Amino acid sequence: MALFRFRTRSPGRDSATDESRRQRLQQLLDTLNAEIEAERNGLRNRYDKIVADAAFSQQALEQKSAGDDISSRIDELTGAMMRYTERLSALDRQSAFVTEMHSRLEAFFRENTRFADSGRNPGAKPE
């Protein structure tokens, strides 16, 4: 009866498929980390410029050598610094999350590859 002739894929083919998935996930996580780092670097550069601008504006205000609109300019710069700080904090959390996912990815595939190679089920209890 041909009905009971079920064929499974070879373990080598399964391993190659799993490794391909692991590599794609790894690449995605690396890409995300690079994007986060690029955004973080750009924000830091803009933040440094705003801090310098705010310091000079504050100094001009204290020396009374600035116009009447300097106070509102300092308020704008302070708000921008706060937003940049919040965004940098969010990027730090994202980076930590992606780094944790990278660690979990490696641990998952290391554990499941070990079980696949041994023919055991990772959810099964040891005999």
PDB file of N, CA and C in Angstrom:
ATOM      1  N   MET A   1       0.827  -1.181   0.000  1.00  0.00           N
ATOM      2  CA  MET A   1       0.000   0.000   0.000  1.00  0.00           C
ATOM      3  C   MET A   1       0.876   1.252   0.000  1.00  0.00           C
ATOM      4  N   ALA A   2       0.675   2.055  -0.960  1.00  0.00           N
ATOM      5  CA  ALA A   2       1.437   3.294  -1.079  1.00  0.00           C
ATOM      6  C   ALA A   2       1.000   4.323  -0.053  1.00  0.00           C
ATOM      7  N   LEU A   3      -0.111   4.085   0.553  1.00  0.00           N
ATOM      8  CA  LEU A   3      -0.643   5.012   1.524  1.00  0.00           C
ATOM      9  C   LEU A   3       0.259   5.160   2.755  1.00  0.00           C
ATOM     10  N   PHE A   4       0.940   4.116   3.121  1.00  0.00           N
ATOM     11  CA  PHE A   4       1.769   4.145   4.326  1.00  0.00           C
ATOM     12  C   PHE A   4       3.241   4.384   4.036  1.00  0.00           C
ATOM     13  N   ARG A   5       3.542   4.781   2.850  1.00  0.00           N
ATOM     14  CA  ARG A   5       4.932   5.045   2.487  1.00  0.00           C
ATOM     15  C   ARG A   5       5.210   6.537   2.628  1.00  0.00           C
ATOM     16  N   PHE A   6       5.416   6.967   3.828  1.00  0.00           N
ATOM     17  CA  PHE A   6       5.715   8.376   4.113  1.00  0.00           C
ATOM     18  C   PHE A   6       7.221   8.541   4.216  1.00  0.00           C
ATOM     19  N   ARG A   7       7.757   9.448   3.456  1.00  0.00           N
ATOM     20  CA  ARG A   7       9.201   9.683   3.473  1.00  0.00           C
ATOM     21  C   ARG A   7       9.492  11.008   4.150  1.00  0.00           C
ATOM     22  N   THR A   8      10.492  11.023   4.971  1.00  0.00           N
ATOM     23  CA  THR A   8      10.911  12.260   5.623  1.00  0.00           C
ATOM     24  C   THR A   8      12.119  12.818   4.894  1.00  0.00           C
ATOM     25  N   ARG A   9      12.372  14.075   5.126  1.00  0.00           N
ATOM     26  CA  ARG A   9      13.542  14.705   4.517  1.00  0.00           C
ATOM     27  C   ARG A   9      14.794  14.222   5.229  1.00  0.00           C
ATOM     28  N   SER A  10      15.887  14.350   4.559  1.00  0.00           N
ATOM     29  CA  SER A  10      17.141  13.918   5.158  1.00  0.00           C
ATOM     30  C   SER A  10      17.551  14.896   6.254  1.00  0.00           C
ATOM     31  N   PRO A  11      18.200  14.416   7.307  1.00  0.00           N
ATOM     32  CA  PRO A  11      18.670  15.303   8.382  1.00  0.00           C
ATOM     33  C   PRO A  11      19.622  16.379   7.873  1.00  0.00           C
ATOM     34  N   GLY A  12      20.419  16.046   6.871  1.00  0.00           N
ATOM     35  CA  GLY A  12      21.333  17.035   6.301  1.00  0.00           C
ATOM     36  C   GLY A  12      20.598  18.203   5.672  1.00  0.00           C
ATOM     37  N   ARG A  13      19.528  17.883   4.968  1.00  0.00           N
ATOM     38  CA  ARG A  13      18.715  18.933   4.341  1.00  0.00           C
ATOM     39  C   ARG A  13      18.052  19.796   5.410  1.00  0.00           C
ATOM     40  N   ASP A  14      17.528  19.150   6.458  1.00  0.00           N
ATOM     41  CA  ASP A  14      16.922  19.902   7.566  1.00  0.00           C
ATOM     42  C   ASP A  14      17.948  20.809   8.231  1.00  0.00           C
ATOM     43  N   SER A  15      19.140  20.302   8.446  1.00  0.00           N
ATOM     44  CA  SER A  15      20.202  21.102   9.075  1.00  0.00           C
ATOM     45  C   SER A  15      20.571  22.298   8.211  1.00  0.00           C
ATOM     46  N   ALA A  16      20.646  22.082   6.900  1.00  0.00           N
ATOM     47  CA  ALA A  16      20.984  23.183   5.987  1.00  0.00           C
ATOM     48  C   ALA A  16      19.892  24.249   6.001  1.00  0.00           C
ATOM     49  N   THR A  17      18.629  23.820   6.033  1.00  0.00           N
ATOM     50  CA  THR A  17      17.510  24.764   6.092  1.00  0.00           C
ATOM     51  C   THR A  17      17.548  25.559   7.392  1.00  0.00           C
ATOM     52  N   ASP A  18      17.790  24.865   8.495  1.00  0.00           N
ATOM     53  CA  ASP A  18      17.872  25.543   9.794  1.00  0.00           C
ATOM     54  C   ASP A  18      19.029  26.544   9.825  1.00  0.00           C
ATOM     55  N   GLU A  19      20.168  26.160   9.281  1.00  0.00           N
ATOM     56  CA  GLU A  19      21.329  27.051   9.265  1.00  0.00           C
ATOM     57  C   GLU A  19      21.054  28.272   8.398  1.00  0.00           C
ATOM     58  N   SER A  20      20.354  28.085   7.299  1.00  0.00           N
ATOM     59  CA  SER A  20      19.990  29.208   6.443  1.00  0.00           C
ATOM     60  C   SER A  20      19.098  30.192   7.197  1.00  0.00           C
ATOM     61  N   ARG A  21      18.137  29.668   7.941  1.00  0.00           N
ATOM     62  CA  ARG A  21      17.264  30.540   8.741  1.00  0.00           C
ATOM     63  C   ARG A  21      18.057  31.272   9.812  1.00  0.00           C
ATOM     64  N   ARG A  22      18.949  30.555  10.471  1.00  0.00           N
ATOM     65  CA  ARG A  22      19.760  31.178  11.517  1.00  0.00           C
ATOM     66  C   ARG A  22      20.587  32.317  10.931  1.00  0.00           C
ATOM     67  N   GLN A  23      21.180  32.085   9.775  1.00  0.00           N
ATOM     68  CA  GLN A  23      21.997  33.123   9.144  1.00  0.00           C
ATOM     69  C   GLN A  23      21.167  34.334   8.748  1.00  0.00           C
ATOM     70  N   ARG A  24      19.944  34.102   8.226  1.00  0.00           N
ATOM     71  CA  ARG A  24      19.082  35.226   7.856  1.00  0.00           C
ATOM     72  C   ARG A  24      18.671  36.034   9.083  1.00  0.00           C
ATOM     73  N   LEU A  25      18.323  35.325  10.170  1.00  0.00           N
ATOM     74  CA  LEU A  25      17.981  36.027  11.408  1.00  0.00           C
ATOM     75  C   LEU A  25      19.178  36.815  11.930  1.00  0.00           C
ATOM     76  N   GLN A  26      20.348  36.190  11.897  1.00  0.00           N
ATOM     77  CA  GLN A  26      21.574  36.851  12.340  1.00  0.00           C
ATOM     78  C   GLN A  26      21.826  38.120  11.523  1.00  0.00           C
ATOM     79  N   GLN A  27      21.666  38.014  10.225  1.00  0.00           N
ATOM     80  CA  GLN A  27      21.881  39.158   9.348  1.00  0.00           C
ATOM     81  C   GLN A  27      20.879  40.280   9.649  1.00  0.00           C
ATOM     82  N   LEU A  28      19.632  39.914   9.874  1.00  0.00           N
ATOM     83  CA  LEU A  28      18.620  40.913  10.205  1.00  0.00           C
ATOM     84  C   LEU A  28      18.974  41.627  11.517  1.00  0.00           C
ATOM     85  N   LEU A  29      19.366  40.864  12.527  1.00  0.00           N
ATOM     86  CA  LEU A  29      19.731  41.475  13.809  1.00  0.00           C
ATOM     87  C   LEU A  29      20.958  42.369  13.659  1.00  0.00           C
ATOM     88  N   ASP A  30      21.930  41.943  12.853  1.00  0.00           N
ATOM     89  CA  ASP A  30      23.114  42.781  12.610  1.00  0.00           C
ATOM     90  C   ASP A  30      22.728  44.075  11.894  1.00  0.00           C
ATOM     91  N   THR A  31      21.812  43.971  10.932  1.00  0.00           N
ATOM     92  CA  THR A  31      21.343  45.157  10.203  1.00  0.00           C
ATOM     93  C   THR A  31      20.626  46.117  11.155  1.00  0.00           C
ATOM     94  N   LEU A  32      19.771  45.571  12.016  1.00  0.00           N
ATOM     95  CA  LEU A  32      19.062  46.418  12.982  1.00  0.00           C
ATOM     96  C   LEU A  32      20.046  47.115  13.919  1.00  0.00           C
ATOM     97  N   ASN A  33      21.037  46.385  14.407  1.00  0.00           N
ATOM     98  CA  ASN A  33      22.041  46.998  15.278  1.00  0.00           C
ATOM     99  C   ASN A  33      22.783  48.118  14.568  1.00  0.00           C
ATOM    100  N   ALA A  34      23.137  47.903  13.313  1.00  0.00           N
ATOM    101  CA  ALA A  34      23.839  48.936  12.544  1.00  0.00           C
ATOM    102  C   ALA A  34      22.955  50.169  12.348  1.00  0.00           C
ATOM    103  N   GLU A  35      21.666  49.959  12.066  1.00  0.00           N
ATOM    104  CA  GLU A  35      20.745  51.091  11.906  1.00  0.00           C
ATOM    105  C   GLU A  35      20.615  51.877  13.204  1.00  0.00           C
ATOM    106  N   ILE A  36      20.484  51.162  14.303  1.00  0.00           N
ATOM    107  CA  ILE A  36      20.357  51.825  15.611  1.00  0.00           C
ATOM    108  C   ILE A  36      21.614  52.619  15.921  1.00  0.00           C
ATOM    109  N   GLU A  37      22.774  52.027  15.668  1.00  0.00           N
ATOM    110  CA  GLU A  37      24.044  52.701  15.957  1.00  0.00           C
ATOM    111  C   GLU A  37      24.217  53.936  15.075  1.00  0.00           C
ATOM    112  N   ALA A  38      23.833  53.848  13.816  1.00  0.00           N
ATOM    113  CA  ALA A  38      23.938  55.009  12.912  1.00  0.00           C
ATOM    114  C   ALA A  38      23.030  56.140  13.392  1.00  0.00           C
ATOM    115  N   GLU A  39      21.799  55.789  13.786  1.00  0.00           N
ATOM    116  CA  GLU A  39      20.885  56.823  14.291  1.00  0.00           C
ATOM    117  C   GLU A  39      21.435  57.426  15.578  1.00  0.00           C
ATOM    118  N   ARG A  40      21.955  56.579  16.443  1.00  0.00           N
ATOM    119  CA  ARG A  40      22.518  57.051  17.714  1.00  0.00           C
ATOM    120  C   ARG A  40      23.684  58.018  17.465  1.00  0.00           C
ATOM    121  N   ASN A  41      24.558  57.682  16.546  1.00  0.00           N
ATOM    122  CA  ASN A  41      25.695  58.556  16.244  1.00  0.00           C
ATOM    123  C   ASN A  41      25.237  59.895  15.673  1.00  0.00           C
ATOM    124  N   GLY A  42      24.260  59.865  14.784  1.00  0.00           N
ATOM    125  CA  GLY A  42      23.734  61.112  14.231  1.00  0.00           C
ATOM    126  C   GLY A  42      23.092  61.980  15.296  1.00  0.00           C
ATOM    127  N   LEU A  43      22.327  61.359  16.183  1.00  0.00           N
ATOM    128  CA  LEU A  43      21.702  62.111  17.271  1.00  0.00           C
ATOM    129  C   LEU A  43      22.735  62.706  18.210  1.00  0.00           C
ATOM    130  N   ARG A  44      23.756  61.940  18.515  1.00  0.00           N
ATOM    131  CA  ARG A  44      24.803  62.456  19.407  1.00  0.00           C
ATOM    132  C   ARG A  44      25.483  63.678  18.806  1.00  0.00           C
ATOM    133  N   ASN A  45      25.754  63.631  17.504  1.00  0.00           N
ATOM    134  CA  ASN A  45      26.380  64.779  16.842  1.00  0.00           C
ATOM    135  C   ASN A  45      25.481  66.015  16.915  1.00  0.00           C
ATOM    136  N   ARG A  46      24.193  65.829  16.620  1.00  0.00           N
ATOM    137  CA  ARG A  46      23.261  66.963  16.690  1.00  0.00           C
ATOM    138  C   ARG A  46      23.091  67.440  18.127  1.00  0.00           C
ATOM    139  N   TYR A  47      23.059  66.501  19.065  1.00  0.00           N
ATOM    140  CA  TYR A  47      22.933  66.847  20.485  1.00  0.00           C
ATOM    141  C   TYR A  47      24.121  67.708  20.924  1.00  0.00           C
ATOM    142  N   ASP A  48      25.315  67.311  20.541  1.00  0.00           N
ATOM    143  CA  ASP A  48      26.517  68.077  20.915  1.00  0.00           C
ATOM    144  C   ASP A  48      26.455  69.508  20.368  1.00  0.00           C
ATOM    145  N   LYS A  49      25.957  69.656  19.140  1.00  0.00           N
ATOM    146  CA  LYS A  49      25.839  70.992  18.543  1.00  0.00           C
ATOM    147  C   LYS A  49      24.817  71.835  19.300  1.00  0.00           C
ATOM    148  N   ILE A  50      23.709  71.216  19.678  1.00  0.00           N
ATOM    149  CA  ILE A  50      22.671  71.949  20.413  1.00  0.00           C
ATOM    150  C   ILE A  50      23.168  72.351  21.796  1.00  0.00           C
ATOM    151  N   VAL A  51      23.896  71.463  22.455  1.00  0.00           N
ATOM    152  CA  VAL A  51      24.442  71.782  23.777  1.00  0.00           C
ATOM    153  C   VAL A  51      25.383  72.986  23.677  1.00  0.00           C
ATOM    154  N   ALA A  52      26.228  72.995  22.662  1.00  0.00           N
ATOM    155  CA  ALA A  52      27.139  74.124  22.477  1.00  0.00           C
ATOM    156  C   ALA A  52      26.366  75.407  22.188  1.00  0.00           C
ATOM    157  N   ASP A  53      25.357  75.309  21.334  1.00  0.00           N
ATOM    158  CA  ASP A  53      24.539  76.474  21.006  1.00  0.00           C
ATOM    159  C   ASP A  53      23.825  76.999  22.256  1.00  0.00           C
ATOM    160  N   ALA A  54      23.300  76.079  23.057  1.00  0.00           N
ATOM    161  CA  ALA A  54      22.604  76.476  24.287  1.00  0.00           C
ATOM    162  C   ALA A  54      23.565  77.142  25.263  1.00  0.00           C
ATOM    163  N   ALA A  55      24.773  76.616  25.355  1.00  0.00           N
ATOM    164  CA  ALA A  55      25.760  77.212  26.268  1.00  0.00           C
ATOM    165  C   ALA A  55      26.117  78.636  25.843  1.00  0.00           C
ATOM    166  N   PHE A  56      26.337  78.835  24.550  1.00  0.00           N
ATOM    167  CA  PHE A  56      26.646  80.182  24.064  1.00  0.00           C
ATOM    168  C   PHE A  56      25.457  81.118  24.223  1.00  0.00           C
ATOM    169  N   SER A  57      24.259  80.584  24.005  1.00  0.00           N
ATOM    170  CA  SER A  57      23.057  81.410  24.172  1.00  0.00           C
ATOM    171  C   SER A  57      22.883  81.809  25.639  1.00  0.00           C
ATOM    172  N   GLN A  58      23.104  80.877  26.523  1.00  0.00           N
ATOM    173  CA  GLN A  58      23.002  81.168  27.960  1.00  0.00           C
ATOM    174  C   GLN A  58      24.043  82.201  28.374  1.00  0.00           C
ATOM    175  N   GLN A  59      25.235  82.046  27.864  1.00  0.00           N
ATOM    176  CA  GLN A  59      26.300  83.003  28.186  1.00  0.00           C
ATOM    177  C   GLN A  59      25.928  84.399  27.677  1.00  0.00           C
ATOM    178  N   ALA A  60      25.392  84.473  26.483  1.00  0.00           N
ATOM    179  CA  ALA A  60      24.974  85.763  25.922  1.00  0.00           C
ATOM    180  C   ALA A  60      23.858  86.372  26.763  1.00  0.00           C
ATOM    181  N   LEU A  61      22.934  85.542  27.238  1.00  0.00           N
ATOM    182  CA  LEU A  61      21.850  86.023  28.084  1.00  0.00           C
ATOM    183  C   LEU A  61      22.397  86.582  29.387  1.00  0.00           C
ATOM    184  N   GLU A  62      23.325  85.839  30.005  1.00  0.00           N
ATOM    185  CA  GLU A  62      23.897  86.279  31.273  1.00  0.00           C
ATOM    186  C   GLU A  62      24.710  87.563  31.113  1.00  0.00           C
ATOM    187  N   GLN A  63      25.341  87.738  29.976  1.00  0.00           N
ATOM    188  CA  GLN A  63      26.152  88.946  29.740  1.00  0.00           C
ATOM    189  C   GLN A  63      25.317  90.071  29.135  1.00  0.00           C
ATOM    190  N   LYS A  64      24.043  89.806  28.975  1.00  0.00           N
ATOM    191  CA  LYS A  64      23.109  90.786  28.423  1.00  0.00           C
ATOM    192  C   LYS A  64      23.556  91.339  27.071  1.00  0.00           C
ATOM    193  N   SER A  65      24.213  90.471  26.298  1.00  0.00           N
ATOM    194  CA  SER A  65      24.674  90.892  24.971  1.00  0.00           C
ATOM    195  C   SER A  65      23.813  90.305  23.855  1.00  0.00           C
ATOM    196  N   ALA A  66      22.678  89.749  24.241  1.00  0.00           N
ATOM    197  CA  ALA A  66      21.795  89.129  23.251  1.00  0.00           C
ATOM    198  C   ALA A  66      20.486  89.902  23.174  1.00  0.00           C
ATOM    199  N   GLY A  67      19.740  89.617  22.129  1.00  0.00           N
ATOM    200  CA  GLY A  67      18.452  90.258  21.939  1.00  0.00           C
ATOM    201  C   GLY A  67      17.397  89.682  22.865  1.00  0.00           C
ATOM    202  N   ASP A  68      16.201  90.214  22.767  1.00  0.00           N
ATOM    203  CA  ASP A  68      15.092  89.791  23.626  1.00  0.00           C
ATOM    204  C   ASP A  68      14.619  88.357  23.336  1.00  0.00           C
ATOM    205  N   ASP A  69      14.867  87.868  22.156  1.00  0.00           N
ATOM    206  CA  ASP A  69      14.375  86.539  21.790  1.00  0.00           C
ATOM    207  C   ASP A  69      15.290  85.392  22.251  1.00  0.00           C
ATOM    208  N   ILE A  70      16.401  85.714  22.917  1.00  0.00           N
ATOM    209  CA  ILE A  70      17.352  84.670  23.323  1.00  0.00           C
ATOM    210  C   ILE A  70      16.749  83.728  24.364  1.00  0.00           C
ATOM    211  N   SER A  71      15.902  84.240  25.225  1.00  0.00           N
ATOM    212  CA  SER A  71      15.297  83.398  26.249  1.00  0.00           C
ATOM    213  C   SER A  71      14.423  82.313  25.615  1.00  0.00           C
ATOM    214  N   SER A  72      13.638  82.679  24.614  1.00  0.00           N
ATOM    215  CA  SER A  72      12.803  81.677  23.943  1.00  0.00           C
ATOM    216  C   SER A  72      13.682  80.697  23.157  1.00  0.00           C
ATOM    217  N   ARG A  73      14.801  81.178  22.647  1.00  0.00           N
ATOM    218  CA  ARG A  73      15.743  80.298  21.930  1.00  0.00           C
ATOM    219  C   ARG A  73      16.335  79.271  22.893  1.00  0.00           C
ATOM    220  N   ILE A  74      16.678  79.693  24.087  1.00  0.00           N
ATOM    221  CA  ILE A  74      17.215  78.772  25.100  1.00  0.00           C
ATOM    222  C   ILE A  74      16.156  77.736  25.470  1.00  0.00           C
ATOM    223  N   ASP A  75      14.905  78.160  25.596  1.00  0.00           N
ATOM    224  CA  ASP A  75      13.817  77.218  25.886  1.00  0.00           C
ATOM    225  C   ASP A  75      13.675  76.176  24.770  1.00  0.00           C
ATOM    226  N   GLU A  76      13.766  76.628  23.518  1.00  0.00           N
ATOM    227  CA  GLU A  76      13.684  75.704  22.380  1.00  0.00           C
ATOM    228  C   GLU A  76      14.833  74.699  22.412  1.00  0.00           C
ATOM    229  N   LEU A  77      16.022  75.182  22.687  1.00  0.00           N
ATOM    230  CA  LEU A  77      17.187  74.306  22.733  1.00  0.00           C
ATOM    231  C   LEU A  77      17.080  73.309  23.888  1.00  0.00           C
ATOM    232  N   THR A  78      16.565  73.770  25.007  1.00  0.00           N
ATOM    233  CA  THR A  78      16.380  72.871  26.157  1.00  0.00           C
ATOM    234  C   THR A  78      15.387  71.767  25.810  1.00  0.00           C
ATOM    235  N   GLY A  79      14.301  72.127  25.158  1.00  0.00           N
ATOM    236  CA  GLY A  79      13.315  71.131  24.729  1.00  0.00           C
ATOM    237  C   GLY A  79      13.922  70.130  23.752  1.00  0.00           C
ATOM    238  N   ALA A  80      14.727  70.629  22.819  1.00  0.00           N
ATOM    239  CA  ALA A  80      15.374  69.740  21.849  1.00  0.00           C
ATOM    240  C   ALA A  80      16.338  68.790  22.550  1.00  0.00           C
ATOM    241  N   MET A  81      17.092  69.295  23.516  1.00  0.00           N
ATOM    242  CA  MET A  81      18.019  68.432  24.266  1.00  0.00           C
ATOM    243  C   MET A  81      17.260  67.338  25.007  1.00  0.00           C
ATOM    244  N   MET A  82      16.122  67.684  25.574  1.00  0.00           N
ATOM    245  CA  MET A  82      15.315  66.690  26.287  1.00  0.00           C
ATOM    246  C   MET A  82      14.793  65.626  25.323  1.00  0.00           C
ATOM    247  N   ARG A  83      14.332  66.059  24.144  1.00  0.00           N
ATOM    248  CA  ARG A  83      13.845  65.091  23.151  1.00  0.00           C
ATOM    249  C   ARG A  83      14.970  64.185  22.671  1.00  0.00           C
ATOM    250  N   TYR A  84      16.145  64.762  22.427  1.00  0.00           N
ATOM    251  CA  TYR A  84      17.285  63.950  22.005  1.00  0.00           C
ATOM    252  C   TYR A  84      17.661  62.946  23.088  1.00  0.00           C
ATOM    253  N   THR A  85      17.643  63.381  24.332  1.00  0.00           N
ATOM    254  CA  THR A  85      17.971  62.484  25.445  1.00  0.00           C
ATOM    255  C   THR A  85      16.973  61.334  25.521  1.00  0.00           C
ATOM    256  N   GLU A  86      15.699  61.643  25.353  1.00  0.00           N
ATOM    257  CA  GLU A  86      14.671  60.593  25.370  1.00  0.00           C
ATOM    258  C   GLU A  86      14.870  59.625  24.210  1.00  0.00           C
ATOM    259  N   ARG A  87      15.177  60.147  23.035  1.00  0.00           N
ATOM    260  CA  ARG A  87      15.375  59.278  21.866  1.00  0.00           C
ATOM    261  C   ARG A  87      16.619  58.412  22.043  1.00  0.00           C
ATOM    262  N   LEU A  88      17.691  58.996  22.562  1.00  0.00           N
ATOM    263  CA  LEU A  88      18.907  58.214  22.805  1.00  0.00           C
ATOM    264  C   LEU A  88      18.627  57.083  23.795  1.00  0.00           C
ATOM    265  N   SER A  89      17.830  57.367  24.791  1.00  0.00           N
ATOM    266  CA  SER A  89      17.453  56.340  25.758  1.00  0.00           C
ATOM    267  C   SER A  89      16.650  55.233  25.085  1.00  0.00           C
ATOM    268  N   ALA A  90      15.721  55.604  24.214  1.00  0.00           N
ATOM    269  CA  ALA A  90      14.929  54.610  23.479  1.00  0.00           C
ATOM    270  C   ALA A  90      15.837  53.755  22.589  1.00  0.00           C
ATOM    271  N   LEU A  91      16.807  54.384  21.952  1.00  0.00           N
ATOM    272  CA  LEU A  91      17.731  53.633  21.096  1.00  0.00           C
ATOM    273  C   LEU A  91      18.594  52.686  21.924  1.00  0.00           C
ATOM    274  N   ASP A  92      18.982  53.107  23.117  1.00  0.00           N
ATOM    275  CA  ASP A  92      19.738  52.216  24.007  1.00  0.00           C
ATOM    276  C   ASP A  92      18.908  50.987  24.368  1.00  0.00           C
ATOM    277  N   ARG A  93      17.626  51.196  24.644  1.00  0.00           N
ATOM    278  CA  ARG A  93      16.750  50.060  24.962  1.00  0.00           C
ATOM    279  C   ARG A  93      16.583  49.142  23.752  1.00  0.00           C
ATOM    280  N   GLN A  94      16.422  49.736  22.576  1.00  0.00           N
ATOM    281  CA  GLN A  94      16.302  48.925  21.365  1.00  0.00           C
ATOM    282  C   GLN A  94      17.568  48.109  21.126  1.00  0.00           C
ATOM    283  N   SER A  95      18.705  48.740  21.300  1.00  0.00           N
ATOM    284  CA  SER A  95      19.980  48.043  21.107  1.00  0.00           C
ATOM    285  C   SER A  95      20.124  46.888  22.087  1.00  0.00           C
ATOM    286  N   ALA A  96      19.753  47.113  23.335  1.00  0.00           N
ATOM    287  CA  ALA A  96      19.818  46.046  24.335  1.00  0.00           C
ATOM    288  C   ALA A  96      18.883  44.901  23.957  1.00  0.00           C
ATOM    289  N   PHE A  97      17.700  45.229  23.454  1.00  0.00           N
ATOM    290  CA  PHE A  97      16.741  44.211  23.038  1.00  0.00           C
ATOM    291  C   PHE A  97      17.304  43.377  21.888  1.00  0.00           C
ATOM    292  N   VAL A  98      17.852  44.043  20.875  1.00  0.00           N
ATOM    293  CA  VAL A  98      18.392  43.333  19.721  1.00  0.00           C
ATOM    294  C   VAL A  98      19.585  42.472  20.140  1.00  0.00           C
ATOM    295  N   THR A  99      20.410  42.987  21.033  1.00  0.00           N
ATOM    296  CA  THR A  99      21.549  42.205  21.539  1.00  0.00           C
ATOM    297  C   THR A  99      21.060  40.967  22.278  1.00  0.00           C
ATOM    298  N   GLU A 100      20.008  41.121  23.076  1.00  0.00           N
ATOM    299  CA  GLU A 100      19.428  39.978  23.786  1.00  0.00           C
ATOM    300  C   GLU A 100      18.850  38.970  22.790  1.00  0.00           C
ATOM    301  N   MET A 101      18.199  39.452  21.735  1.00  0.00           N
ATOM    302  CA  MET A 101      17.654  38.546  20.722  1.00  0.00           C
ATOM    303  C   MET A 101      18.784  37.776  20.032  1.00  0.00           C
ATOM    304  N   HIS A 102      19.893  38.443  19.812  1.00  0.00           N
ATOM    305  CA  HIS A 102      21.057  37.782  19.212  1.00  0.00           C
ATOM    306  C   HIS A 102      21.536  36.644  20.112  1.00  0.00           C
ATOM    307  N   SER A 103      21.638  36.905  21.393  1.00  0.00           N
ATOM    308  CA  SER A 103      22.069  35.873  22.348  1.00  0.00           C
ATOM    309  C   SER A 103      21.070  34.721  22.388  1.00  0.00           C
ATOM    310  N   ARG A 104      19.795  35.062  22.403  1.00  0.00           N
ATOM    311  CA  ARG A 104      18.756  34.021  22.443  1.00  0.00           C
ATOM    312  C   ARG A 104      18.756  33.201  21.154  1.00  0.00           C
ATOM    313  N   LEU A 105      18.990  33.863  20.021  1.00  0.00           N
ATOM    314  CA  LEU A 105      19.063  33.165  18.740  1.00  0.00           C
ATOM    315  C   LEU A 105      20.180  32.125  18.769  1.00  0.00           C
ATOM    316  N   GLU A 106      21.354  32.547  19.208  1.00  0.00           N
ATOM    317  CA  GLU A 106      22.490  31.623  19.264  1.00  0.00           C
ATOM    318  C   GLU A 106      22.212  30.468  20.219  1.00  0.00           C
ATOM    319  N   ALA A 107      21.667  30.781  21.389  1.00  0.00           N
ATOM    320  CA  ALA A 107      21.365  29.727  22.368  1.00  0.00           C
ATOM    321  C   ALA A 107      20.308  28.770  21.823  1.00  0.00           C
ATOM    322  N   PHE A 108      19.283  29.307  21.174  1.00  0.00           N
ATOM    323  CA  PHE A 108      18.226  28.471  20.618  1.00  0.00           C
ATOM    324  C   PHE A 108      18.780  27.493  19.594  1.00  0.00           C
ATOM    325  N   PHE A 109      19.556  28.011  18.648  1.00  0.00           N
ATOM    326  CA  PHE A 109      20.073  27.133  17.600  1.00  0.00           C
ATOM    327  C   PHE A 109      21.137  26.182  18.142  1.00  0.00           C
ATOM    328  N   ARG A 110      21.916  26.624  19.091  1.00  0.00           N
ATOM    329  CA  ARG A 110      22.906  25.732  19.702  1.00  0.00           C
ATOM    330  C   ARG A 110      22.194  24.562  20.383  1.00  0.00           C
ATOM    331  N   GLU A 111      21.149  24.850  21.143  1.00  0.00           N
ATOM    332  CA  GLU A 111      20.396  23.821  21.864  1.00  0.00           C
ATOM    333  C   GLU A 111      19.663  22.903  20.899  1.00  0.00           C
ATOM    334  N   ASN A 112      18.987  23.473  19.930  1.00  0.00           N
ATOM    335  CA  ASN A 112      18.205  22.661  19.005  1.00  0.00           C
ATOM    336  C   ASN A 112      19.067  21.897  18.013  1.00  0.00           C
ATOM    337  N   THR A 113      20.210  22.421  17.664  1.00  0.00           N
ATOM    338  CA  THR A 113      21.130  21.691  16.796  1.00  0.00           C
ATOM    339  C   THR A 113      21.676  20.483  17.532  1.00  0.00           C
ATOM    340  N   ARG A 114      21.972  20.657  18.811  1.00  0.00           N
ATOM    341  CA  ARG A 114      22.472  19.551  19.622  1.00  0.00           C
ATOM    342  C   ARG A 114      21.443  18.430  19.672  1.00  0.00           C
ATOM    343  N   PHE A 115      20.174  18.787  19.885  1.00  0.00           N
ATOM    344  CA  PHE A 115      19.124  17.768  19.952  1.00  0.00           C
ATOM    345  C   PHE A 115      18.884  17.139  18.591  1.00  0.00           C
ATOM    346  N   ALA A 116      18.914  17.936  17.537  1.00  0.00           N
ATOM    347  CA  ALA A 116      18.693  17.400  16.195  1.00  0.00           C
ATOM    348  C   ALA A 116      19.806  16.419  15.840  1.00  0.00           C
ATOM    349  N   ASP A 117      21.044  16.775  16.210  1.00  0.00           N
ATOM    350  CA  ASP A 117      22.167  15.898  15.910  1.00  0.00           C
ATOM    351  C   ASP A 117      22.107  14.599  16.705  1.00  0.00           C
ATOM    352  N   SER A 118      21.532  14.652  17.914  1.00  0.00           N
ATOM    353  CA  SER A 118      21.469  13.456  18.743  1.00  0.00           C
ATOM    354  C   SER A 118      20.214  12.634  18.476  1.00  0.00           C
ATOM    355  N   GLY A 119      19.264  13.205  17.729  1.00  0.00           N
ATOM    356  CA  GLY A 119      18.019  12.507  17.459  1.00  0.00           C
ATOM    357  C   GLY A 119      17.015  12.621  18.590  1.00  0.00           C
ATOM    358  N   ARG A 120      17.330  13.425  19.620  1.00  0.00           N
ATOM    359  CA  ARG A 120      16.416  13.603  20.760  1.00  0.00           C
ATOM    360  C   ARG A 120      15.505  14.777  20.516  1.00  0.00           C
ATOM    361  N   ASN A 121      14.428  14.802  21.255  1.00  0.00           N
ATOM    362  CA  ASN A 121      13.460  15.884  21.209  1.00  0.00           C
ATOM    363  C   ASN A 121      13.811  16.866  22.326  1.00  0.00           C
ATOM    364  N   PRO A 122      13.986  18.167  22.045  1.00  0.00           N
ATOM    365  CA  PRO A 122      14.356  19.113  23.107  1.00  0.00           C
ATOM    366  C   PRO A 122      13.334  19.218  24.223  1.00  0.00           C
ATOM    367  N   GLY A 123      12.092  18.862  23.962  1.00  0.00           N
ATOM    368  CA  GLY A 123      11.062  18.924  25.010  1.00  0.00           C
ATOM    369  C   GLY A 123      10.932  17.633  25.787  1.00  0.00           C
ATOM    370  N   ALA A 124      11.606  16.585  25.340  1.00  0.00           N
ATOM    371  CA  ALA A 124      11.470  15.275  25.998  1.00  0.00           C
ATOM    372  C   ALA A 124      12.294  15.232  27.271  1.00  0.00           C
ATOM    373  N   LYS A 125      11.823  14.456  28.206  1.00  0.00           N
ATOM    374  CA  LYS A 125      12.562  14.266  29.456  1.00  0.00           C
ATOM    375  C   LYS A 125      13.648  13.218  29.257  1.00  0.00           C
ATOM    376  N   PRO A 126      14.799  13.427  29.906  1.00  0.00           N
ATOM    377  CA  PRO A 126      15.887  12.442  29.756  1.00  0.00           C
ATOM    378  C   PRO A 126      15.475  11.093  30.305  1.00  0.00           C
ATOM    379  N   GLU A 127      16.025  10.054  29.707  1.00  0.00           N
ATOM    380  CA  GLU A 127      15.673   8.697  30.132  1.00  0.00           C
ATOM    381  C   GLU A 127      16.527   8.250  31.286  1.00  0.00           C
TER     382      GLU A 127
END
